[in-house]
Protein backbone atom coordinates (compact mmCIF):
# COMPACT_ATOMS: atom_id res chain seq x y z
CA MET A 1 -10.63 -39.75 -1.58
CA ALA A 2 -12.35 -40.40 -4.90
CA ASP A 3 -15.44 -38.52 -3.74
CA LEU A 4 -13.33 -35.52 -2.70
CA GLU A 5 -11.59 -35.59 -6.07
CA ASP A 6 -14.95 -35.71 -7.86
CA GLU A 7 -16.09 -32.69 -5.82
CA GLY A 8 -12.99 -30.74 -6.87
CA PHE A 9 -11.31 -30.63 -3.44
CA LEU A 10 -8.40 -32.94 -4.35
CA CYS A 11 -6.39 -33.57 -7.49
CA GLN A 12 -3.64 -35.91 -8.68
CA PRO A 13 -0.82 -33.91 -10.34
CA HIS A 14 0.41 -36.96 -12.25
CA THR A 15 -0.24 -40.68 -12.39
CA SER A 16 2.31 -41.78 -9.79
CA ALA A 17 1.52 -38.93 -7.37
CA GLY A 18 -0.78 -38.90 -4.39
CA ARG A 19 -3.72 -36.57 -4.04
CA ILE A 20 -3.16 -32.97 -3.02
CA PRO A 21 -5.68 -30.23 -2.18
CA THR A 22 -6.87 -28.00 -5.00
CA ASP A 23 -7.42 -24.26 -4.61
CA GLN A 24 -11.05 -25.12 -3.89
CA GLY A 25 -9.92 -27.53 -1.19
CA PHE A 26 -7.70 -24.94 0.46
CA ARG A 27 -10.53 -22.38 0.24
CA PHE A 28 -12.88 -24.77 2.05
CA TYR A 29 -10.23 -25.35 4.71
CA VAL A 30 -9.57 -21.62 5.26
CA ASN A 31 -13.27 -20.76 5.37
CA ASN A 32 -13.86 -23.41 8.02
CA LEU A 33 -10.87 -22.87 10.30
CA ALA A 34 -12.21 -23.51 13.79
CA GLY A 35 -9.60 -21.39 15.51
CA MET A 36 -6.45 -19.39 14.94
CA ALA A 37 -3.13 -19.86 16.68
CA ALA A 38 -2.21 -17.08 19.09
CA VAL A 39 0.67 -14.84 18.06
CA SER A 40 3.65 -16.23 19.96
CA PRO A 41 5.33 -14.22 22.75
CA ALA A 42 8.57 -14.27 20.74
CA ALA A 43 6.81 -12.76 17.71
CA ARG A 44 5.13 -10.11 19.87
CA LEU A 45 8.52 -9.17 21.36
CA HIS A 46 10.06 -8.96 17.88
CA VAL A 47 7.27 -6.64 16.72
CA ARG A 48 7.65 -4.40 19.78
CA GLU A 49 11.40 -4.11 19.27
CA HIS A 50 11.43 -3.60 15.49
CA LEU A 51 8.06 -2.09 14.55
CA GLU A 52 6.40 -0.48 17.55
CA VAL A 53 8.93 2.33 17.83
CA VAL A 54 8.33 6.06 17.86
CA GLY A 55 8.50 8.23 14.76
CA GLY A 56 9.84 7.61 11.29
CA ARG A 57 8.71 8.57 7.82
CA LEU A 58 5.95 6.62 6.12
CA GLU A 59 8.43 4.71 3.96
CA GLU A 60 10.39 3.68 7.08
CA VAL A 61 7.26 2.37 8.79
CA LEU A 62 6.32 0.33 5.71
CA ARG A 63 9.86 -1.00 5.34
CA ASP A 64 9.93 -2.05 9.00
CA GLY A 65 6.58 -3.81 8.60
CA VAL A 66 7.48 -5.81 5.51
CA LEU A 67 10.91 -6.72 6.94
CA THR A 68 9.28 -7.93 10.16
CA LEU A 69 6.96 -10.24 8.20
CA ALA A 70 9.86 -11.64 6.17
CA GLN A 71 11.78 -12.33 9.40
CA LEU A 72 8.88 -13.95 11.28
CA THR A 73 7.61 -16.15 8.42
CA PRO A 74 9.27 -18.36 5.80
CA TYR A 75 7.45 -16.36 3.13
CA VAL A 76 7.75 -13.10 1.18
CA GLY A 77 6.65 -9.96 3.01
CA ILE A 78 4.76 -7.47 0.85
CA VAL A 79 3.23 -4.05 1.44
CA SER A 80 1.50 -1.61 -0.91
CA LEU A 81 2.31 2.09 -0.75
CA PRO A 82 -0.68 4.43 -0.54
CA ASP A 83 -1.81 6.57 -3.48
CA PHE A 84 -0.43 10.02 -2.70
CA ARG A 85 -3.50 11.69 -4.17
CA GLN A 86 -5.67 10.12 -1.47
CA MET A 87 -3.50 11.20 1.46
CA ILE A 88 -4.18 14.08 3.83
CA ILE A 89 -1.82 16.98 3.10
CA ARG A 90 0.07 18.70 5.91
CA HIS A 91 2.15 21.26 4.04
CA ILE A 92 2.76 22.69 0.56
CA ARG A 93 5.73 24.85 -0.34
CA PHE A 94 6.39 26.52 -3.68
CA VAL A 95 9.99 27.09 -4.78
CA LYS A 96 10.98 29.22 -7.77
CA LEU A 97 13.42 27.40 -10.03
CA HIS A 98 13.65 29.54 -13.17
CA GLU A 99 11.31 32.30 -14.34
CA ARG A 100 7.95 30.50 -14.63
CA ARG A 101 9.28 27.07 -13.61
CA ILE A 102 8.12 26.16 -10.08
CA LEU A 103 8.69 23.21 -7.76
CA ALA A 104 5.89 22.30 -5.35
CA VAL A 105 7.01 20.26 -2.33
CA VAL A 106 3.95 18.44 -0.96
CA VAL A 107 4.11 16.69 2.44
CA SER A 108 1.37 14.39 3.79
CA VAL A 109 0.43 13.97 7.44
CA SER A 110 2.00 10.52 7.41
CA GLY A 111 5.36 11.90 6.27
CA ALA A 112 5.26 11.01 2.57
CA VAL A 113 6.79 13.66 0.30
CA GLN A 114 6.21 14.29 -3.38
CA ASN A 115 7.75 16.93 -5.62
CA VAL A 116 5.67 18.37 -8.46
CA LEU A 117 7.26 20.44 -11.25
CA PHE A 118 4.97 22.78 -13.17
CA ASP A 119 5.04 25.95 -15.27
CA SER A 120 3.07 29.04 -14.23
CA ASP A 121 1.51 31.61 -16.56
CA THR A 122 2.95 34.34 -14.31
CA ASN A 123 6.57 35.02 -13.41
CA PHE A 124 6.21 34.99 -9.60
CA SER A 125 8.90 36.11 -7.17
CA GLN A 126 9.88 33.77 -4.33
CA ASP A 127 8.23 36.16 -1.88
CA GLN A 128 4.95 35.89 -3.77
CA LEU A 129 5.29 32.11 -3.80
CA ASN A 130 5.82 32.10 -0.04
CA HIS A 131 2.64 34.11 0.50
CA SER A 132 0.72 31.72 -1.75
CA SER A 133 2.11 28.72 0.13
CA ASN A 134 0.99 30.22 3.44
CA TYR A 135 -2.49 30.83 2.08
CA LEU A 136 -2.92 27.25 0.82
CA ASN A 137 -1.50 25.81 4.04
CA ALA A 138 -4.17 27.72 5.96
CA LEU A 139 -6.78 25.76 3.97
CA LEU A 140 -5.30 22.32 4.58
CA GLY A 141 -7.38 21.15 7.61
CA ASP A 142 -7.60 17.37 6.98
CA LEU A 143 -7.92 17.72 3.20
CA THR A 144 -6.49 15.75 0.30
CA LEU A 145 -5.13 17.53 -2.77
CA SER A 146 -8.51 17.21 -4.47
CA GLY A 147 -10.14 18.60 -1.32
CA ILE A 148 -7.79 21.59 -1.32
CA LYS A 149 -8.58 22.16 -5.00
CA ARG A 150 -12.33 22.19 -4.26
CA LYS A 151 -11.78 24.59 -1.35
CA VAL A 152 -9.87 27.03 -3.58
CA LEU A 153 -12.67 26.88 -6.17
CA GLN A 154 -15.21 27.64 -3.44
CA GLU A 155 -13.13 30.64 -2.39
CA MET A 156 -13.09 31.84 -5.98
CA ALA A 157 -16.86 31.47 -6.28
CA SER A 158 -17.57 33.29 -3.02
CA ASP A 159 -15.52 36.35 -3.98
CA LYS A 160 -15.37 37.15 -0.27
CA ARG A 161 -11.82 38.40 -0.53
CA GLY A 162 -12.68 40.90 -3.22
CA TYR A 163 -9.91 39.49 -5.39
CA ASP A 164 -7.14 41.54 -3.80
CA GLU A 165 -3.68 41.32 -5.35
CA LEU A 166 -2.46 38.50 -3.12
CA PHE A 167 -5.57 36.41 -3.72
CA LYS A 168 -5.21 36.90 -7.47
CA GLN A 169 -1.68 35.53 -7.20
CA VAL A 170 -2.89 32.54 -5.21
CA LEU A 171 -5.60 31.77 -7.75
CA ALA A 172 -3.20 32.04 -10.69
CA LEU A 173 -0.65 29.81 -8.99
CA SER A 174 -3.26 27.29 -7.83
CA LYS A 175 -4.67 27.05 -11.34
CA SER A 176 -1.23 26.14 -12.73
CA PHE A 177 -0.42 23.76 -9.86
CA PHE A 178 -3.69 21.81 -9.90
CA ALA A 179 -3.53 21.52 -13.69
CA LYS A 180 -0.71 19.04 -13.08
CA ASP A 181 -1.84 16.57 -10.44
CA PRO A 182 0.88 14.54 -8.74
CA GLU A 183 1.29 11.15 -10.31
CA GLN A 184 -0.18 8.14 -8.56
CA GLN A 185 2.58 6.58 -6.46
CA SER A 186 1.17 3.07 -6.38
CA ASP A 187 4.03 0.72 -5.66
CA VAL A 188 4.91 -2.27 -3.54
CA MET A 189 7.79 -3.17 -1.25
CA LEU A 190 8.88 -6.79 -0.95
CA ASP A 191 11.30 -8.52 1.38
CA GLY A 192 12.36 -12.13 1.85
CA LYS A 193 12.00 -13.30 -1.76
CA LEU A 194 14.65 -15.96 -1.21
CA ASN A 195 12.46 -17.49 1.51
CA LEU A 196 10.47 -19.19 -1.25
CA LEU A 197 13.49 -21.32 -2.17
CA GLU A 198 12.96 -23.24 1.08
CA HIS A 199 9.67 -24.69 -0.17
CA PRO A 200 9.56 -27.77 -2.43
CA GLU A 201 6.72 -26.29 -4.51
CA PHE A 202 9.19 -23.82 -5.94
CA ALA A 203 12.01 -26.21 -6.78
CA ASP A 204 10.88 -26.03 -10.41
CA VAL A 205 13.05 -23.42 -12.14
CA GLU A 206 10.37 -22.24 -14.57
CA ARG A 207 7.86 -21.80 -11.77
CA MET A 208 10.31 -19.69 -9.79
CA LYS A 209 11.17 -17.60 -12.87
CA ASN A 210 7.47 -16.82 -13.35
CA ILE A 211 7.03 -15.78 -9.71
CA PHE A 212 10.17 -13.63 -9.67
CA ARG A 213 9.02 -12.00 -12.91
CA ALA A 214 5.79 -11.01 -11.14
CA PHE A 215 7.88 -9.64 -8.26
CA GLU A 216 10.00 -7.54 -10.60
CA GLU A 217 7.18 -6.21 -12.75
CA LYS A 218 4.92 -5.56 -9.71
CA GLY A 219 1.94 -4.62 -11.88
CA SER A 220 0.11 -7.90 -11.39
CA ILE A 221 0.75 -7.88 -7.64
CA LEU A 222 -0.53 -4.29 -7.40
CA LYS A 223 -3.66 -5.34 -9.25
CA ILE A 224 -4.25 -8.16 -6.75
CA LEU A 225 -3.71 -5.87 -3.75
CA ASP A 226 -5.84 -3.06 -5.18
CA GLY A 227 -8.62 -5.55 -5.74
CA ALA A 228 -8.51 -6.48 -2.05
CA LEU A 229 -8.88 -2.87 -0.87
CA GLY A 230 -12.26 -1.74 0.37
CA GLY A 231 -13.47 -5.24 1.14
CA GLU A 232 -12.79 -7.22 4.28
CA GLN A 233 -10.06 -5.92 6.59
CA LEU A 234 -8.18 -9.22 6.13
CA ARG A 235 -8.11 -11.22 2.92
CA VAL A 236 -6.82 -14.65 1.89
CA ILE A 237 -6.31 -15.08 -1.87
CA ILE A 238 -5.54 -18.65 -2.89
CA GLY A 239 -3.84 -19.74 -6.10
CA SER A 240 -5.95 -19.10 -9.18
CA GLU A 241 -8.21 -16.69 -7.23
CA SER A 242 -5.59 -14.00 -7.92
CA CYS A 243 -6.31 -14.29 -11.69
CA CYS A 244 -2.54 -14.00 -12.24
CA GLU A 245 -0.99 -16.91 -14.10
CA ASP A 246 2.48 -16.31 -12.66
CA MET A 247 1.06 -16.45 -9.11
CA ARG A 248 -1.24 -19.45 -9.49
CA HIS A 249 0.89 -21.61 -7.17
CA CYS A 250 0.92 -18.97 -4.43
CA SER A 251 -1.43 -17.67 -1.78
CA LEU A 252 -1.56 -14.14 -0.38
CA VAL A 253 -2.67 -13.25 3.13
CA THR A 254 -3.15 -9.48 3.42
CA ALA A 255 -4.55 -7.03 5.95
CA GLU A 256 -5.33 -3.33 5.65
CA TYR A 257 -3.22 -0.75 7.47
CA GLY A 258 -3.80 2.96 7.90
CA ARG A 259 -5.09 5.61 10.24
CA VAL A 260 -8.38 5.76 12.13
CA ASP A 261 -9.98 7.88 9.40
CA ARG A 262 -8.77 5.99 6.33
CA THR A 263 -7.11 2.89 4.90
CA LEU A 264 -3.70 3.54 3.31
CA GLY A 265 -2.79 0.15 1.86
CA GLN A 266 -2.29 -3.59 2.35
CA ILE A 267 0.43 -5.58 4.09
CA GLY A 268 0.85 -9.34 4.06
CA VAL A 269 2.75 -12.36 2.82
CA ILE A 270 3.09 -14.41 -0.34
CA GLY A 271 3.77 -18.11 0.07
CA PRO A 272 2.79 -21.57 -1.20
CA THR A 273 -0.90 -22.49 -1.20
CA ARG A 274 -0.24 -25.00 1.58
CA MET A 275 1.00 -22.32 4.01
CA ASP A 276 0.15 -22.51 7.70
CA TYR A 277 -2.93 -20.29 7.50
CA SER A 278 -3.93 -20.67 11.16
CA ARG A 279 -0.62 -19.11 12.22
CA ILE A 280 -0.08 -16.65 9.38
CA ILE A 281 -3.52 -15.00 9.38
CA PRO A 282 -3.35 -13.73 12.99
CA LEU A 283 0.31 -12.73 12.59
CA VAL A 284 -0.40 -10.61 9.49
CA ASN A 285 -3.34 -8.99 11.26
CA TYR A 286 -1.21 -8.30 14.36
CA ILE A 287 1.54 -6.60 12.33
CA ALA A 288 -0.99 -4.55 10.33
CA ASP A 289 -2.47 -3.30 13.62
CA ALA A 290 1.02 -2.44 14.94
CA MET A 291 1.78 -0.45 11.79
CA SER A 292 -1.53 1.39 12.03
CA ARG A 293 -0.87 2.34 15.64
CA ARG A 294 2.56 3.66 14.75
CA LEU A 295 1.18 5.72 11.87
CA GLN A 296 -1.60 7.09 14.06
CA ASN A 297 0.86 8.15 16.74
């Protein structure tokens, strides 16, 4: 025990306490797990009944996923919403509100919707806006907003349409629209926050206040999740590894979800550092896969 303490794998919180694993100790344990527990038949059935259903908007799929995690674990379910600017666009519609004031309704292939208000240099009629919408929608083919913008610029450079009246309208409208990019919609959904009250680590009132503050502000959690994107498909972040003081007594197990062609975000759980990793890791991965299949279909 003394040797393990000297190596940084164990610590003694106070004089009368026994030794407990440090973050380094838990990291060694997770990195050397010999095997993972299989996802139980009951959990698989729950996922099929509540998550593997047909249809639904993106927000509904994410809500179902995070709720399922909160129901199947004694921890907090968490999921990050994708950045709208990185999503493939299915449809754009322009709606005239007042003279040069225009509303753009932008719909992604995964069902997310964002409204963008902007002012145009030209006082378009609704009929002209409809024609412009149809033109842009014809360009959409698996493109993000930035991809559509590049495609319009290529059209301008090619001059293959001879700058007829309709194309001039499209260019003028596109210039005003793309001058105001949709805001980044980075956000997180959480469910099961009260689950943490079942764990003795969080009996301390100040510790719980710090964690709930992180839940409410969300910025620090988003930073942790964003840092996990683009790395391994599944990540385990233990205690101080999150670099967030309010979360230093917690671990996060997250997995990427998305479509075949791109990652959209992260889903996982937040719990005490002593969580049952061998059961939680495969469960989080299983639910992320179920969400991805639903989004793909």
